[in-house]
Structures are given as C-alpha cells and as structure tokens.
Amino acid sequence: MTETAVGASFTEDGIAEGEGGVRRAKRRMAPIVPAQNVAGRALVSVIAIMTFLSCLTLGAVTLVRDTAAVWESQISREATIQIKPAEGLDMEASLERAAEIASGFPGITGARIVDREATARLLAPWLGSGLDIDELPVPRLVIVTINEDYPPNFARLGEAITAELPQASLDDHRTWVDRLVTMARTTVTIGIAALALMLTATVLSVVFATRGAMAGNGHIIEVLHFVGAEARFIAREFRRHFLATGMKGAAGGGLAAIAVFIVVSFWSARNLATPQADQATALFGNFAIGLSGYAGVALIVLLVGVLTAATSHATVVAYLTDIETRQTDQG
C-alpha cells in the first residue's frame, strides 16, 4: 500500500482508502479506459480482420503441408507402367502382360490395370465426356504397388518390361512429385512468413490503439500515478481492457474463418462427382483442414488475445517509466 501526500492511499486493487483506513471507497473507480468508444470498435474490427486472414493462411498452410505429406507417401507406394498404342498391338493383352511382369518382380506387392472408364474420367476435363478410348491413340496405365520396406530396383524393372513390351515404359514419378513437394514446402514457408507479418501488424495496431487510449486519458493516468497508484494497477486496467477487446475481435475472426472452412469443405464434398473435382481431389484431397487445422485456429485466437494484452501492458509500463524519468530529470 502506498501513502500519498493528501492522506489517501491505494490498495493493490487500486481502491482508494481514507486516512487510517476509516474512509474506504464504497465503489471501485470508473474504468481508466472507456469500455466502448469509436477507437475501441475500430480496433475490434481490425483484430477480427487480421485474425480471419491469419486463420485462412494457417488453413492454407495446413492443407498444403498435408498434401505434400500425402504426395511423399504416395511416391513410396506407387509407380506407373505406361503402354502407348501402336499398330497391331493388342492393348488388353499387353496390359495383362505388363501387370504380370511387375507382380512377379521383387519389391512389388501388386499391379492394377486402369480400366477404360477410369481412363476416360482422367481425360474428361480436357477432351470432354463420352470418350471412346479405342478411337483415340491414348496410352493405357498399370498402377504398380511398391513394398515400402523393400522397394524394387526401378531401373531393372523398367528394363524387364521394355525388353518384352517395347511400347511400355516405367514412371516412378519421383522427378515430378519431388518438384511438387518442393513447391509445396516453399508455399508453406511463404504462408508462415505471411502469418508472422499479420501477427506483427496486429501487435502494431494494438500499440497504436494503446497509445491513443493513453493520450486520451493521459491526465487521469498522470494524476493517479502521482498520488500513489501503482504502475501495475494502471497497467492491469489497460491489460484487462485490451484482453477483452483482443479476445472479442479474435473470436469473431476465428469463427468467420471456421465458417469459411466448413462451407468450402461441404462444397468440395458435394462436387466430387465431376471430372474437375477428381483432378482437384487428386492434388489437394477434399479441402478439409482436419482437427489439427481447427486446433490451429483456436491457438491463433488465443495467441492474438494474449499478444493484445501483453502489448498493451508493455506499452503502458513504458509510458509510466517515461513519466518517472521525466519527473526525475525535472527534480
């Protein structure tokens, strides 16, 4: 408790007491920072927007990261045998023979022929529906499943297939998928950097808002400080105010982002029957961020609230320290 020159003192909660404890205030003092004002509502909107964008960025990073992990997993599990059509070639017999050769090779656990209907669906986004595969020089595919623990020698497997089927070639997808994974990792890095910039912008917004609130209530703060109110009490009042403001804005932005994720996931699930959706699903799944993504959104909301409170607290303490320094210099 700090004694003042006017015979009053402040408890740790900032409640005024009369001299000797006889006169105790019957009510707490009015808030130092107004609960509702134009600047406060604007700050809530800014925090909500920044949180919304941060959550969308986090969701995109989560989706790309998960997709990259799936790609890396698939490259270790599958390879493709492609057979090009040629005059006099019995395509169906060649497919069967390629699958037979691959199935008997060490390190291969199975081989599956991509049938006509599946091939037509793969080509539909570019050539339209209702294709007759027999009328087009379209290569046919055999999907080879690889033993992840004991993968085959791809060079020798390719030679074995080409020796018997000159029109066939083995593609292990490594070059193509490695490029996609590198691109995905670059995208994740850029997304994390963008997320950090958004959080930094949020912190700066809170700093300016706190300084604005202190400028508007500076005379009250200085009087409280000079008559004995502890700096931690004044800082706590600002921290409470901006914590509530930050959580309100962050919760609004987080809920809006979750709503967007749910709508996009529902929309993608409803459109899986189209050829375009087949291609998108092959690359990115069903556009669902999963439980880890929603947990990340909750973490962003909490982080924004904590950053808002901590930033306002640090700004107030720095302001009061400056007051004390100026007072010491003048003395």
Protein backbone atom coordinates (compact mmCIF):
# COMPACT_ATOMS: atom_id res chain seq x y z
CA MET A 1 0.00 0.00 0.00
CA THR A 2 1.40 3.44 -0.94
CA GLU A 3 0.81 6.54 1.21
CA THR A 4 0.08 9.80 -0.64
CA ALA A 5 0.56 13.46 0.16
CA VAL A 6 -3.15 14.03 0.52
CA GLY A 7 -3.65 11.37 3.15
CA ALA A 8 -5.18 8.76 0.84
CA SER A 9 -3.70 5.52 -0.30
CA PHE A 10 -4.28 2.83 -2.93
CA THR A 11 -4.62 -0.85 -2.27
CA GLU A 12 -3.25 -3.41 -4.68
CA ASP A 13 -6.60 -3.32 -6.46
CA GLY A 14 -6.40 0.45 -6.80
CA ILE A 15 -9.25 1.08 -4.31
CA ALA A 16 -8.96 4.41 -2.50
CA GLU A 17 -8.83 4.24 1.30
CA GLY A 18 -9.30 7.03 3.79
CA GLU A 19 -6.56 8.01 6.20
CA GLY A 20 -6.01 5.25 8.75
CA GLY A 21 -8.49 3.05 6.90
CA VAL A 22 -11.51 4.96 8.23
CA ARG A 23 -12.84 6.15 4.92
CA ARG A 24 -12.97 3.31 2.40
CA ALA A 25 -14.43 3.97 -1.03
CA LYS A 26 -17.82 2.33 -1.48
CA ARG A 27 -17.27 1.59 -5.09
CA ARG A 28 -14.46 0.99 -7.46
CA MET A 29 -13.23 3.88 -9.52
CA ALA A 30 -14.53 4.25 -13.06
CA PRO A 31 -12.51 2.41 -15.69
CA ILE A 32 -9.45 4.27 -16.87
CA VAL A 33 -10.08 3.13 -20.43
CA PRO A 34 -13.66 3.67 -21.69
CA ALA A 35 -15.36 0.36 -22.32
CA GLN A 36 -16.92 1.45 -25.61
CA ASN A 37 -15.74 4.12 -27.97
CA VAL A 38 -15.16 4.56 -31.69
CA ALA A 39 -11.47 3.68 -31.44
CA GLY A 40 -12.27 0.53 -29.45
CA ARG A 41 -14.81 -0.68 -32.00
CA ALA A 42 -12.37 0.04 -34.82
CA LEU A 43 -9.66 -1.96 -33.03
CA VAL A 44 -12.03 -4.91 -32.58
CA SER A 45 -12.72 -4.81 -36.33
CA VAL A 46 -9.01 -4.62 -37.17
CA ILE A 47 -8.18 -7.54 -34.86
CA ALA A 48 -11.08 -9.58 -36.28
CA ILE A 49 -9.89 -8.99 -39.85
CA MET A 50 -6.27 -9.80 -39.04
CA THR A 51 -7.30 -12.93 -37.13
CA PHE A 52 -9.54 -14.01 -40.01
CA LEU A 53 -6.71 -13.61 -42.52
CA SER A 54 -4.26 -15.34 -40.16
CA CYS A 55 -6.60 -18.31 -39.75
CA LEU A 56 -7.15 -18.57 -43.51
CA THR A 57 -3.39 -18.52 -44.01
CA LEU A 58 -2.95 -21.20 -41.36
CA GLY A 59 -5.66 -23.32 -43.00
CA ALA A 60 -3.99 -22.99 -46.41
CA VAL A 61 -0.60 -23.88 -44.90
CA THR A 62 -2.14 -26.91 -43.17
CA LEU A 63 -3.81 -28.08 -46.39
CA VAL A 64 -0.64 -27.71 -48.47
CA ARG A 65 1.50 -29.35 -45.77
CA ASP A 66 -0.84 -32.34 -45.50
CA THR A 67 -0.99 -32.63 -49.28
CA ALA A 68 2.80 -32.62 -49.51
CA ALA A 69 2.92 -35.39 -46.92
CA VAL A 70 0.42 -37.43 -48.97
CA TRP A 71 2.47 -36.90 -52.11
CA GLU A 72 5.62 -38.07 -50.35
CA SER A 73 3.77 -41.12 -49.05
CA GLN A 74 2.35 -41.96 -52.47
CA ILE A 75 5.72 -41.78 -54.19
CA SER A 76 6.96 -44.53 -51.91
CA ARG A 77 3.90 -46.71 -52.57
CA GLU A 78 3.09 -46.48 -56.28
CA ALA A 79 4.62 -46.35 -59.74
CA THR A 80 3.03 -46.37 -63.21
CA ILE A 81 3.59 -48.51 -66.30
CA GLN A 82 2.50 -46.66 -69.45
CA ILE A 83 1.81 -48.51 -72.68
CA LYS A 84 1.50 -46.45 -75.84
CA PRO A 85 -0.83 -47.68 -78.58
CA ALA A 86 0.78 -48.95 -81.79
CA GLU A 87 -0.42 -50.57 -84.98
CA GLY A 88 -1.12 -54.26 -84.48
CA LEU A 89 -0.70 -54.02 -80.70
CA ASP A 90 -3.20 -55.93 -78.59
CA MET A 91 -3.58 -53.33 -75.83
CA GLU A 92 -5.53 -55.51 -73.39
CA ALA A 93 -3.08 -58.41 -73.71
CA SER A 94 -0.14 -56.00 -73.28
CA LEU A 95 -1.69 -54.56 -70.15
CA GLU A 96 -2.17 -58.01 -68.70
CA ARG A 97 1.41 -58.99 -69.52
CA ALA A 98 2.85 -55.78 -68.02
CA ALA A 99 0.88 -56.37 -64.83
CA GLU A 100 2.09 -59.98 -64.74
CA ILE A 101 5.75 -58.97 -65.15
CA ALA A 102 5.51 -56.28 -62.46
CA SER A 103 3.66 -58.53 -60.00
CA GLY A 104 6.41 -61.13 -60.14
CA PHE A 105 9.24 -58.63 -59.62
CA PRO A 106 10.91 -58.42 -56.16
CA GLY A 107 9.68 -55.41 -54.19
CA ILE A 108 6.29 -55.23 -55.96
CA THR A 109 3.20 -56.18 -53.97
CA GLY A 110 0.59 -55.79 -56.69
CA ALA A 111 -0.36 -54.34 -60.07
CA ARG A 112 -3.72 -52.89 -61.14
CA ILE A 113 -4.83 -52.05 -64.67
CA VAL A 114 -6.60 -48.72 -65.09
CA ASP A 115 -9.74 -49.69 -66.97
CA ARG A 116 -11.39 -47.83 -69.86
CA GLU A 117 -13.90 -45.99 -67.70
CA ALA A 118 -11.24 -44.69 -65.31
CA THR A 119 -9.04 -43.62 -68.23
CA ALA A 120 -11.97 -41.74 -69.78
CA ARG A 121 -12.61 -39.93 -66.48
CA LEU A 122 -8.97 -38.85 -66.31
CA LEU A 123 -9.19 -37.34 -69.79
CA ALA A 124 -12.67 -35.83 -69.46
CA PRO A 125 -11.53 -32.40 -68.13
CA TRP A 126 -9.58 -31.85 -71.38
CA LEU A 127 -11.43 -33.92 -74.01
CA GLY A 128 -14.97 -33.90 -72.61
CA SER A 129 -17.23 -36.74 -71.56
CA GLY A 130 -18.44 -39.67 -73.66
CA LEU A 131 -14.99 -40.58 -74.99
CA ASP A 132 -14.39 -43.77 -76.93
CA ILE A 133 -10.88 -44.77 -75.87
CA ASP A 134 -10.48 -47.18 -78.80
CA GLU A 135 -10.84 -44.34 -81.34
CA LEU A 136 -8.02 -42.27 -79.80
CA PRO A 137 -4.27 -43.02 -79.51
CA VAL A 138 -4.48 -42.85 -75.72
CA PRO A 139 -1.81 -44.58 -73.60
CA ARG A 140 -3.10 -47.02 -71.03
CA LEU A 141 -1.79 -47.37 -67.49
CA VAL A 142 -0.95 -50.06 -64.97
CA ILE A 143 -0.64 -48.91 -61.34
CA VAL A 144 2.13 -50.78 -59.52
CA THR A 145 2.09 -51.02 -55.71
CA ILE A 146 5.52 -50.93 -54.09
CA ASN A 147 6.73 -52.58 -50.92
CA GLU A 148 7.76 -49.52 -48.87
CA ASP A 149 10.15 -51.53 -46.70
CA TYR A 150 11.90 -53.26 -49.61
CA PRO A 151 11.40 -51.15 -52.76
CA PRO A 152 12.36 -52.64 -56.13
CA ASN A 153 15.22 -51.70 -58.41
CA PHE A 154 13.28 -49.40 -60.73
CA ALA A 155 15.96 -49.40 -63.44
CA ARG A 156 15.94 -53.20 -63.70
CA LEU A 157 12.14 -53.31 -63.53
CA GLY A 158 11.92 -50.83 -66.39
CA GLU A 159 14.40 -52.84 -68.46
CA ALA A 160 12.46 -56.06 -67.84
CA ILE A 161 9.19 -54.51 -69.00
CA THR A 162 10.68 -52.73 -72.05
CA ALA A 163 12.52 -55.89 -73.17
CA GLU A 164 9.21 -57.72 -73.61
CA LEU A 165 6.94 -54.74 -74.37
CA PRO A 166 8.83 -52.08 -76.36
CA GLN A 167 5.84 -49.72 -76.24
CA ALA A 168 5.83 -49.79 -72.42
CA SER A 169 7.74 -47.53 -70.06
CA LEU A 170 8.01 -47.32 -66.28
CA ASP A 171 7.48 -44.00 -64.49
CA ASP A 172 8.26 -43.88 -60.77
CA HIS A 173 7.03 -40.22 -60.57
CA ARG A 174 9.99 -39.19 -58.46
CA THR A 175 11.05 -36.16 -60.52
CA TRP A 176 7.51 -34.81 -60.88
CA VAL A 177 6.48 -35.37 -57.28
CA ASP A 178 9.78 -34.03 -55.93
CA ARG A 179 9.11 -30.77 -57.75
CA LEU A 180 5.57 -30.59 -56.40
CA VAL A 181 6.75 -31.31 -52.86
CA THR A 182 9.43 -28.61 -53.16
CA MET A 183 6.80 -26.17 -54.37
CA ALA A 184 4.50 -27.15 -51.50
CA ARG A 185 7.24 -26.64 -48.93
CA THR A 186 8.05 -23.24 -50.43
CA THR A 187 4.37 -22.33 -50.22
CA VAL A 188 4.27 -23.41 -46.56
CA THR A 189 7.31 -21.25 -45.80
CA ILE A 190 5.73 -18.24 -47.51
CA GLY A 191 2.49 -18.87 -45.62
CA ILE A 192 4.27 -18.99 -42.27
CA ALA A 193 6.09 -15.74 -43.12
CA ALA A 194 2.78 -14.12 -44.07
CA LEU A 195 1.24 -15.34 -40.80
CA ALA A 196 4.10 -13.80 -38.83
CA LEU A 197 3.64 -10.49 -40.67
CA MET A 198 -0.09 -10.48 -39.90
CA LEU A 199 0.56 -11.08 -36.20
CA THR A 200 3.17 -8.32 -36.24
CA ALA A 201 0.66 -5.95 -37.84
CA THR A 202 -1.84 -6.88 -35.12
CA VAL A 203 0.70 -6.09 -32.41
CA LEU A 204 1.49 -2.71 -34.00
CA SER A 205 -2.22 -1.92 -34.23
CA VAL A 206 -2.60 -2.63 -30.51
CA VAL A 207 0.42 -0.45 -29.72
CA PHE A 208 -1.08 2.50 -31.59
CA ALA A 209 -4.51 1.89 -30.03
CA THR A 210 -2.98 1.73 -26.54
CA ARG A 211 -1.03 4.92 -27.08
CA GLY A 212 -4.19 6.58 -28.37
CA ALA A 213 -6.13 5.49 -25.29
CA MET A 214 -3.38 6.73 -23.03
CA ALA A 215 -3.21 10.03 -24.88
CA GLY A 216 -6.93 10.50 -24.36
CA ASN A 217 -6.66 9.62 -20.68
CA GLY A 218 -3.13 10.83 -20.04
CA HIS A 219 -4.08 13.46 -17.45
CA ILE A 220 -6.00 10.85 -15.43
CA ILE A 221 -3.12 8.38 -15.61
CA GLU A 222 -0.58 11.01 -14.52
CA VAL A 223 -2.75 12.11 -11.59
CA LEU A 224 -3.25 8.52 -10.47
CA HIS A 225 0.44 7.86 -10.81
CA PHE A 226 1.49 10.97 -8.89
CA VAL A 227 -0.94 10.42 -6.00
CA GLY A 228 0.39 6.92 -5.45
CA ALA A 229 -1.42 4.49 -7.73
CA GLU A 230 0.97 1.70 -8.55
CA ALA A 231 2.08 1.25 -12.13
CA ARG A 232 0.99 -2.39 -12.11
CA PHE A 233 -2.56 -1.34 -11.19
CA ILE A 234 -2.76 1.11 -14.10
CA ALA A 235 -1.15 -1.41 -16.45
CA ARG A 236 -3.56 -4.11 -15.25
CA GLU A 237 -6.55 -1.91 -16.08
CA PHE A 238 -5.28 -1.45 -19.63
CA ARG A 239 -4.39 -5.12 -19.89
CA ARG A 240 -7.89 -6.18 -18.89
CA HIS A 241 -9.48 -3.80 -21.33
CA PHE A 242 -7.33 -4.81 -24.29
CA LEU A 243 -7.51 -8.51 -23.42
CA ALA A 244 -11.29 -8.31 -23.66
CA THR A 245 -11.00 -6.27 -26.86
CA GLY A 246 -8.49 -8.67 -28.38
CA MET A 247 -10.44 -11.80 -27.48
CA LYS A 248 -13.65 -10.29 -28.83
CA GLY A 249 -12.07 -9.44 -32.19
CA ALA A 250 -10.05 -12.66 -32.37
CA ALA A 251 -13.08 -14.82 -31.58
CA GLY A 252 -15.09 -13.09 -34.31
CA GLY A 253 -12.33 -13.55 -36.88
CA GLY A 254 -11.73 -17.16 -35.85
CA LEU A 255 -15.41 -18.09 -36.09
CA ALA A 256 -15.64 -16.45 -39.53
CA ALA A 257 -12.62 -18.48 -40.70
CA ILE A 258 -14.12 -21.72 -39.35
CA ALA A 259 -17.35 -20.94 -41.19
CA VAL A 260 -15.38 -20.49 -44.43
CA PHE A 261 -13.55 -23.79 -43.91
CA ILE A 262 -16.82 -25.64 -43.27
CA VAL A 263 -18.51 -24.13 -46.33
CA VAL A 264 -15.55 -24.91 -48.61
CA SER A 265 -15.29 -28.46 -47.26
CA PHE A 266 -19.05 -29.01 -47.74
CA TRP A 267 -18.93 -27.54 -51.25
CA SER A 268 -15.97 -29.70 -52.30
CA ALA A 269 -17.67 -32.81 -50.89
CA ARG A 270 -20.85 -32.05 -52.89
CA ASN A 271 -18.90 -31.64 -56.15
CA LEU A 272 -16.73 -34.76 -56.07
CA ALA A 273 -18.67 -36.38 -58.92
CA THR A 274 -17.25 -34.04 -61.60
CA PRO A 275 -14.04 -34.70 -63.56
CA GLN A 276 -12.61 -31.35 -62.43
CA ALA A 277 -13.22 -32.35 -58.82
CA ASP A 278 -11.43 -35.65 -59.46
CA GLN A 279 -8.32 -33.73 -60.53
CA ALA A 280 -8.53 -31.30 -57.60
CA THR A 281 -9.07 -34.14 -55.16
CA ALA A 282 -6.07 -35.98 -56.56
CA LEU A 283 -3.92 -32.92 -55.80
CA PHE A 284 -5.39 -31.49 -52.61
CA GLY A 285 -7.80 -34.02 -51.14
CA ASN A 286 -11.27 -32.78 -50.19
CA PHE A 287 -10.15 -29.31 -48.98
CA ALA A 288 -10.74 -30.23 -45.32
CA ILE A 289 -8.17 -28.93 -42.85
CA GLY A 290 -8.92 -31.59 -40.23
CA LEU A 291 -8.77 -31.40 -36.46
CA SER A 292 -5.22 -30.06 -36.46
CA GLY A 293 -6.34 -27.11 -38.59
CA TYR A 294 -9.24 -26.26 -36.27
CA ALA A 295 -6.93 -26.61 -33.27
CA GLY A 296 -4.59 -24.17 -35.01
CA VAL A 297 -7.44 -21.69 -35.42
CA ALA A 298 -8.18 -21.88 -31.69
CA LEU A 299 -4.48 -21.37 -30.98
CA ILE A 300 -4.39 -18.29 -33.22
CA VAL A 301 -7.39 -16.82 -31.39
CA LEU A 302 -5.74 -17.34 -28.00
CA LEU A 303 -2.41 -16.04 -29.29
CA VAL A 304 -3.96 -12.85 -30.65
CA GLY A 305 -5.75 -12.24 -27.34
CA VAL A 306 -2.58 -12.80 -25.31
CA LEU A 307 -0.50 -10.65 -27.68
CA THR A 308 -3.05 -7.85 -27.42
CA ALA A 309 -2.99 -7.89 -23.62
CA ALA A 310 0.80 -8.25 -23.38
CA THR A 311 1.40 -5.49 -25.91
CA SER A 312 -0.88 -3.02 -24.12
CA HIS A 313 0.74 -3.90 -20.77
CA ALA A 314 4.25 -3.32 -22.12
CA THR A 315 3.19 -0.04 -23.75
CA VAL A 316 1.64 1.28 -20.52
CA VAL A 317 4.67 0.30 -18.44
CA ALA A 318 6.97 2.05 -20.91
CA TYR A 319 4.76 5.15 -20.77
CA LEU A 320 4.79 5.26 -16.97
CA THR A 321 8.54 4.66 -16.90
CA ASP A 322 8.93 7.64 -19.21
CA ILE A 323 6.84 9.76 -16.84
CA GLU A 324 9.05 8.77 -13.90
CA THR A 325 12.19 9.52 -15.90
CA ARG A 326 10.95 12.98 -16.83
CA GLN A 327 9.93 13.63 -13.23
CA THR A 328 13.40 12.61 -12.02
CA ASP A 329 15.11 14.84 -14.61
CA GLN A 330 12.97 17.80 -13.64
CA GLY A 331 13.70 17.21 -9.97
